[in-house]
Amino acid sequence: MASMADAVPGGLGDFLRSRRERLSPEAVGLASGGRRRTPGLRREEVAELADIGVDWYVRLEQGRAVSPSAATVDSLARALRLGPAEHAHLRTLAGQSGRRGFARETVPDAIRRLVAGLGQPAYVTGRRWDVLAWNAAAADTFTDFARLADPDRNVLVYLLTDPDARRLFGPAWPDEARRVVGQFRAAHDVWAGDPAFLGLAERLRRGSAEFAAWWEEHDIRTGGEAGQKVLHHPRRGLLRFEYATFQANDDPALRLTVCTPVDGPAATPE
């Protein structure tokens, strides 16, 4: 099996290929043409539907041409029947250039004080879903992040590799984990080739069979800034929360998530 590093530099090519392989000929009005050796559409069929040259499309999938025009991107989105979120993601992948290497974000002291002063669970994450700040209620509800090594203070690492997280989320764990993986995939593709993102994805792939399978599907998720969580806490029983996520004005990469208890026990530490 190819390593994660082998699969990258082309977030764009990988995304195009995954969407092509998902689309049946019948879905776009083409005859299946009998038995096919590979799933989905052929490259030449996508090129024809998008009204671009076959060689140009092949180069895009192989990562040998990384600067398609906006018109080409829109044509490919129509040909591949992409939804709005996928279309926007394709535009982002097609336009990436000259990005600096990833650096872990810094949480301003004012935000740290705000989080610490909240009575309900609250925490701050960055672009890789690193947990950068949290309060006592979050530590009591989820896990004591202070006891974790710095590389382990990450929502994805906790959710996908910690057995306690599976027990905490109970039957909702697959949906919650898959949602976060889809959001991470969208961010990862923007930072395609960056060692910080590659390393995290590689670690998750080794540590979680579910992640490895979901990663190959190349699902992307947007939104998820608000919703509900039902947790099965080992000491406090069933906990219900509404959560909302906010971006910091000074650094939009920072996301503050606040969980408010709903029809259940108080969310403050005992």
Protein backbone atom coordinates (compact mmCIF):
# COMPACT_ATOMS: atom_id res chain seq x y z
CA MET A 1 0.00 0.00 0.00
CA ALA A 2 1.28 3.47 -0.84
CA SER A 3 2.22 5.68 2.07
CA MET A 4 0.48 8.94 2.81
CA ALA A 5 3.51 10.80 1.51
CA ASP A 6 3.28 8.93 -1.80
CA ALA A 7 -0.40 9.81 -2.09
CA VAL A 8 0.08 13.50 -1.74
CA PRO A 9 1.44 15.97 -3.49
CA GLY A 10 -1.76 16.03 -5.39
CA GLY A 11 -4.67 16.85 -3.21
CA LEU A 12 -6.29 18.13 -6.39
CA GLY A 13 -5.63 14.98 -8.39
CA ASP A 14 -6.70 12.69 -5.57
CA PHE A 15 -9.92 14.63 -5.10
CA LEU A 16 -10.74 14.54 -8.83
CA ARG A 17 -10.03 10.82 -8.99
CA SER A 18 -12.17 10.03 -5.96
CA ARG A 19 -15.15 11.93 -7.38
CA ARG A 20 -14.72 10.39 -10.84
CA GLU A 21 -14.69 6.89 -9.39
CA ARG A 22 -17.89 7.55 -7.44
CA LEU A 23 -19.90 8.67 -10.44
CA SER A 24 -21.68 6.07 -12.55
CA PRO A 25 -22.09 6.52 -16.33
CA GLU A 26 -25.86 6.34 -15.91
CA ALA A 27 -25.79 9.28 -13.48
CA VAL A 28 -24.44 11.56 -16.21
CA GLY A 29 -26.49 10.16 -19.09
CA LEU A 30 -23.85 7.86 -20.56
CA ALA A 31 -24.19 4.21 -21.51
CA SER A 32 -22.23 1.90 -19.24
CA GLY A 33 -20.62 0.22 -22.24
CA GLY A 34 -20.58 -3.20 -20.63
CA ARG A 35 -18.17 -4.39 -17.97
CA ARG A 36 -15.64 -1.83 -16.73
CA ARG A 37 -12.26 -2.62 -15.26
CA THR A 38 -12.38 0.36 -12.88
CA PRO A 39 -15.27 1.92 -10.92
CA GLY A 40 -16.99 5.09 -12.01
CA LEU A 41 -16.32 7.18 -15.09
CA ARG A 42 -13.32 6.90 -17.36
CA ARG A 43 -10.94 9.84 -17.58
CA GLU A 44 -11.87 10.50 -21.17
CA GLU A 45 -15.55 10.63 -20.21
CA VAL A 46 -14.90 13.28 -17.59
CA ALA A 47 -12.82 15.26 -20.08
CA GLU A 48 -15.62 15.09 -22.64
CA LEU A 49 -18.27 16.14 -20.10
CA ALA A 50 -16.09 19.05 -18.98
CA ASP A 51 -15.20 19.99 -22.56
CA ILE A 52 -11.45 19.85 -21.94
CA GLY A 53 -8.67 17.80 -23.50
CA VAL A 54 -8.15 14.26 -22.26
CA ASP A 55 -4.40 14.80 -21.87
CA TRP A 56 -5.02 17.95 -19.81
CA TYR A 57 -7.40 16.10 -17.51
CA VAL A 58 -4.94 13.21 -17.11
CA ARG A 59 -2.25 15.71 -16.17
CA LEU A 60 -4.55 17.23 -13.54
CA GLU A 61 -5.24 13.83 -11.95
CA GLN A 62 -1.56 12.95 -11.97
CA GLY A 63 -0.57 16.24 -10.36
CA ARG A 64 1.46 17.38 -13.36
CA ALA A 65 -0.69 20.45 -14.01
CA VAL A 66 -1.78 22.34 -10.93
CA SER A 67 -3.10 25.66 -12.23
CA PRO A 68 -6.41 25.11 -14.06
CA SER A 69 -8.41 28.21 -14.89
CA ALA A 70 -11.55 29.13 -12.96
CA ALA A 71 -13.62 28.18 -16.01
CA THR A 72 -11.97 24.74 -16.13
CA VAL A 73 -12.61 24.19 -12.43
CA ASP A 74 -16.27 25.11 -12.84
CA SER A 75 -16.59 22.81 -15.86
CA LEU A 76 -15.07 19.94 -13.90
CA ALA A 77 -17.43 20.61 -11.00
CA ARG A 78 -20.42 20.37 -13.35
CA ALA A 79 -19.06 17.24 -15.04
CA LEU A 80 -18.46 15.51 -11.73
CA ARG A 81 -21.82 16.64 -10.28
CA LEU A 82 -20.16 18.29 -7.28
CA GLY A 83 -22.26 19.89 -4.59
CA PRO A 84 -21.58 23.46 -3.41
CA ALA A 85 -19.15 22.43 -0.65
CA GLU A 86 -17.23 20.11 -2.98
CA HIS A 87 -17.15 22.77 -5.70
CA ALA A 88 -15.69 25.28 -3.25
CA HIS A 89 -13.15 22.70 -2.09
CA LEU A 90 -12.10 22.04 -5.70
CA ARG A 91 -11.56 25.76 -6.23
CA THR A 92 -9.40 25.90 -3.12
CA LEU A 93 -7.29 22.93 -4.20
CA ALA A 94 -6.81 24.35 -7.68
CA GLY A 95 -5.63 27.70 -6.34
CA GLN A 96 -3.10 26.66 -3.70
CA SER A 97 0.34 28.21 -4.22
CA GLY A 98 3.27 29.39 -2.18
CA ARG A 99 1.79 28.55 1.22
CA ARG A 100 4.17 28.80 4.13
CA GLY A 101 4.80 25.79 6.33
CA PHE A 102 2.27 25.16 9.08
CA ALA A 103 3.03 26.60 12.51
CA ARG A 104 1.04 25.72 15.60
CA GLU A 105 -1.24 28.58 16.57
CA THR A 106 -0.87 30.70 19.70
CA VAL A 107 -3.91 31.52 21.82
CA PRO A 108 -3.99 35.11 23.09
CA ASP A 109 -4.08 35.53 26.86
CA ALA A 110 -7.46 37.26 26.67
CA ILE A 111 -9.04 34.19 25.03
CA ARG A 112 -7.36 31.88 27.55
CA ARG A 113 -8.86 33.90 30.41
CA LEU A 114 -12.26 33.86 28.72
CA VAL A 115 -12.17 30.07 28.37
CA ALA A 116 -10.95 29.53 31.92
CA GLY A 117 -13.74 31.71 33.31
CA LEU A 118 -16.59 29.81 31.65
CA GLY A 119 -18.57 27.35 33.78
CA GLN A 120 -19.51 25.09 30.88
CA PRO A 121 -17.03 22.99 28.85
CA ALA A 122 -15.05 25.15 26.43
CA TYR A 123 -11.88 24.64 24.42
CA VAL A 124 -9.92 26.24 21.57
CA THR A 125 -8.65 24.33 18.55
CA GLY A 126 -6.48 25.24 15.57
CA ARG A 127 -6.36 24.25 11.91
CA ARG A 128 -5.16 20.69 12.68
CA TRP A 129 -7.70 20.29 15.50
CA ASP A 130 -4.94 20.63 18.09
CA VAL A 131 -6.46 21.45 21.48
CA LEU A 132 -4.69 24.70 22.38
CA ALA A 133 -6.66 25.86 25.43
CA TRP A 134 -9.39 24.36 27.60
CA ASN A 135 -11.10 24.88 30.93
CA ALA A 136 -11.72 22.67 33.95
CA ALA A 137 -15.21 21.74 32.76
CA ALA A 138 -13.86 20.50 29.43
CA ALA A 139 -11.19 18.44 31.18
CA ASP A 140 -13.80 16.91 33.47
CA THR A 141 -16.26 16.19 30.65
CA PHE A 142 -13.91 14.88 27.95
CA THR A 143 -10.37 14.14 29.15
CA ASP A 144 -7.68 15.81 31.21
CA PHE A 145 -5.73 17.40 28.38
CA ALA A 146 -3.10 18.66 30.85
CA ARG A 147 -1.97 15.06 31.45
CA LEU A 148 -1.50 14.35 27.75
CA ALA A 149 1.73 14.82 25.86
CA ASP A 150 1.63 17.82 23.58
CA PRO A 151 1.26 15.78 20.32
CA ASP A 152 -1.70 13.93 21.88
CA ARG A 153 -3.68 17.11 22.61
CA ASN A 154 -5.64 16.84 19.42
CA VAL A 155 -9.35 16.25 18.85
CA LEU A 156 -8.71 13.66 16.13
CA VAL A 157 -6.11 11.74 18.13
CA TYR A 158 -8.41 11.68 21.16
CA LEU A 159 -11.56 10.81 19.27
CA LEU A 160 -10.07 8.12 17.00
CA THR A 161 -7.41 6.43 19.13
CA ASP A 162 -8.56 6.76 22.75
CA PRO A 163 -10.94 3.96 23.86
CA ASP A 164 -12.40 6.28 26.48
CA ALA A 165 -13.63 8.59 23.70
CA ARG A 166 -15.55 5.73 22.08
CA ARG A 167 -17.20 4.92 25.37
CA LEU A 168 -17.98 8.58 26.06
CA PHE A 169 -19.73 9.16 22.73
CA GLY A 170 -21.37 5.73 22.72
CA PRO A 171 -23.62 4.95 19.72
CA ALA A 172 -22.99 8.44 18.31
CA TRP A 173 -19.23 7.85 18.05
CA PRO A 174 -19.13 6.82 14.33
CA ASP A 175 -21.11 9.88 13.22
CA GLU A 176 -19.07 12.25 15.40
CA ALA A 177 -15.75 10.75 14.31
CA ARG A 178 -16.68 10.72 10.64
CA ARG A 179 -17.82 14.36 10.80
CA VAL A 180 -14.51 15.49 12.28
CA VAL A 181 -12.51 13.40 9.80
CA GLY A 182 -14.39 15.06 6.93
CA GLN A 183 -13.60 18.50 8.31
CA PHE A 184 -9.95 17.56 8.78
CA ARG A 185 -9.80 16.22 5.23
CA ALA A 186 -10.89 19.60 3.88
CA ALA A 187 -8.15 21.36 5.87
CA HIS A 188 -5.54 18.70 5.08
CA ASP A 189 -6.04 19.07 1.33
CA VAL A 190 -5.47 22.82 1.52
CA TRP A 191 -2.18 22.09 3.30
CA ALA A 192 -1.31 19.15 1.01
CA GLY A 193 2.33 18.16 1.42
CA ASP A 194 2.87 19.97 4.72
CA PRO A 195 4.69 17.64 7.16
CA ALA A 196 2.50 18.63 10.11
CA PHE A 197 -0.67 17.53 8.31
CA LEU A 198 0.92 14.52 6.64
CA GLY A 199 2.32 13.31 9.95
CA LEU A 200 -1.00 13.60 11.74
CA ALA A 201 -2.87 11.80 8.95
CA GLU A 202 -0.26 9.04 8.92
CA ARG A 203 -0.53 8.59 12.68
CA LEU A 204 -4.32 8.40 12.52
CA ARG A 205 -4.19 5.95 9.64
CA ARG A 206 -1.93 3.64 11.65
CA GLY A 207 -3.95 4.01 14.84
CA SER A 208 -7.51 3.75 13.55
CA ALA A 209 -8.91 1.29 11.03
CA GLU A 210 -11.99 3.47 10.66
CA PHE A 211 -9.91 6.52 9.82
CA ALA A 212 -7.95 4.57 7.20
CA ALA A 213 -11.18 3.48 5.49
CA TRP A 214 -12.85 6.90 5.69
CA TRP A 215 -9.68 8.63 4.45
CA GLU A 216 -9.74 6.66 1.22
CA GLU A 217 -13.31 7.83 0.59
CA HIS A 218 -12.07 11.46 0.57
CA ASP A 219 -15.25 12.83 2.15
CA ILE A 220 -15.13 16.49 3.02
CA ARG A 221 -17.37 18.23 5.50
CA THR A 222 -18.06 21.89 6.01
CA GLY A 223 -20.10 23.54 8.71
CA GLY A 224 -20.48 21.67 11.97
CA GLU A 225 -20.22 24.91 13.94
CA ALA A 226 -23.28 24.04 16.03
CA GLY A 227 -25.18 20.94 17.04
CA GLN A 228 -25.81 18.57 19.92
CA LYS A 229 -23.74 15.99 21.75
CA VAL A 230 -25.00 13.17 23.94
CA LEU A 231 -22.26 11.79 26.16
CA HIS A 232 -22.14 8.72 28.39
CA HIS A 233 -19.94 9.98 31.20
CA PRO A 234 -18.41 7.25 33.41
CA ARG A 235 -19.17 9.15 36.64
CA ARG A 236 -21.95 11.58 35.84
CA GLY A 237 -24.12 9.47 33.60
CA LEU A 238 -25.90 10.76 30.51
CA LEU A 239 -24.96 14.33 29.57
CA ARG A 240 -26.64 16.34 26.85
CA PHE A 241 -25.07 19.44 25.34
CA GLU A 242 -25.67 21.97 22.66
CA TYR A 243 -22.39 23.22 21.24
CA ALA A 244 -21.45 26.23 19.16
CA THR A 245 -18.12 27.15 17.58
CA PHE A 246 -16.77 30.66 17.02
CA GLN A 247 -13.76 31.98 15.11
CA ALA A 248 -11.41 34.50 16.71
CA ASN A 249 -11.34 37.86 14.94
CA ASP A 250 -7.59 38.28 15.38
CA ASP A 251 -6.81 34.80 14.05
CA PRO A 252 -9.61 32.95 12.18
CA ALA A 253 -7.60 29.73 12.49
CA LEU A 254 -8.57 29.64 16.17
CA ARG A 255 -11.97 28.10 16.91
CA LEU A 256 -13.64 28.38 20.32
CA THR A 257 -16.14 25.62 21.05
CA VAL A 258 -18.57 26.08 23.94
CA CYS A 259 -20.86 23.28 25.17
CA THR A 260 -24.05 24.22 27.02
CA PRO A 261 -25.93 21.57 29.05
CA VAL A 262 -29.44 20.72 27.85
CA ASP A 263 -32.02 18.94 30.03
CA GLY A 264 -29.37 17.09 31.97
CA PRO A 265 -26.92 17.29 34.84
CA ALA A 266 -24.78 20.40 35.24
CA ALA A 267 -21.64 20.41 33.14
CA THR A 268 -19.37 21.90 35.80
CA PRO A 269 -16.83 19.65 37.52
CA GLU A 270 -17.95 17.83 40.64
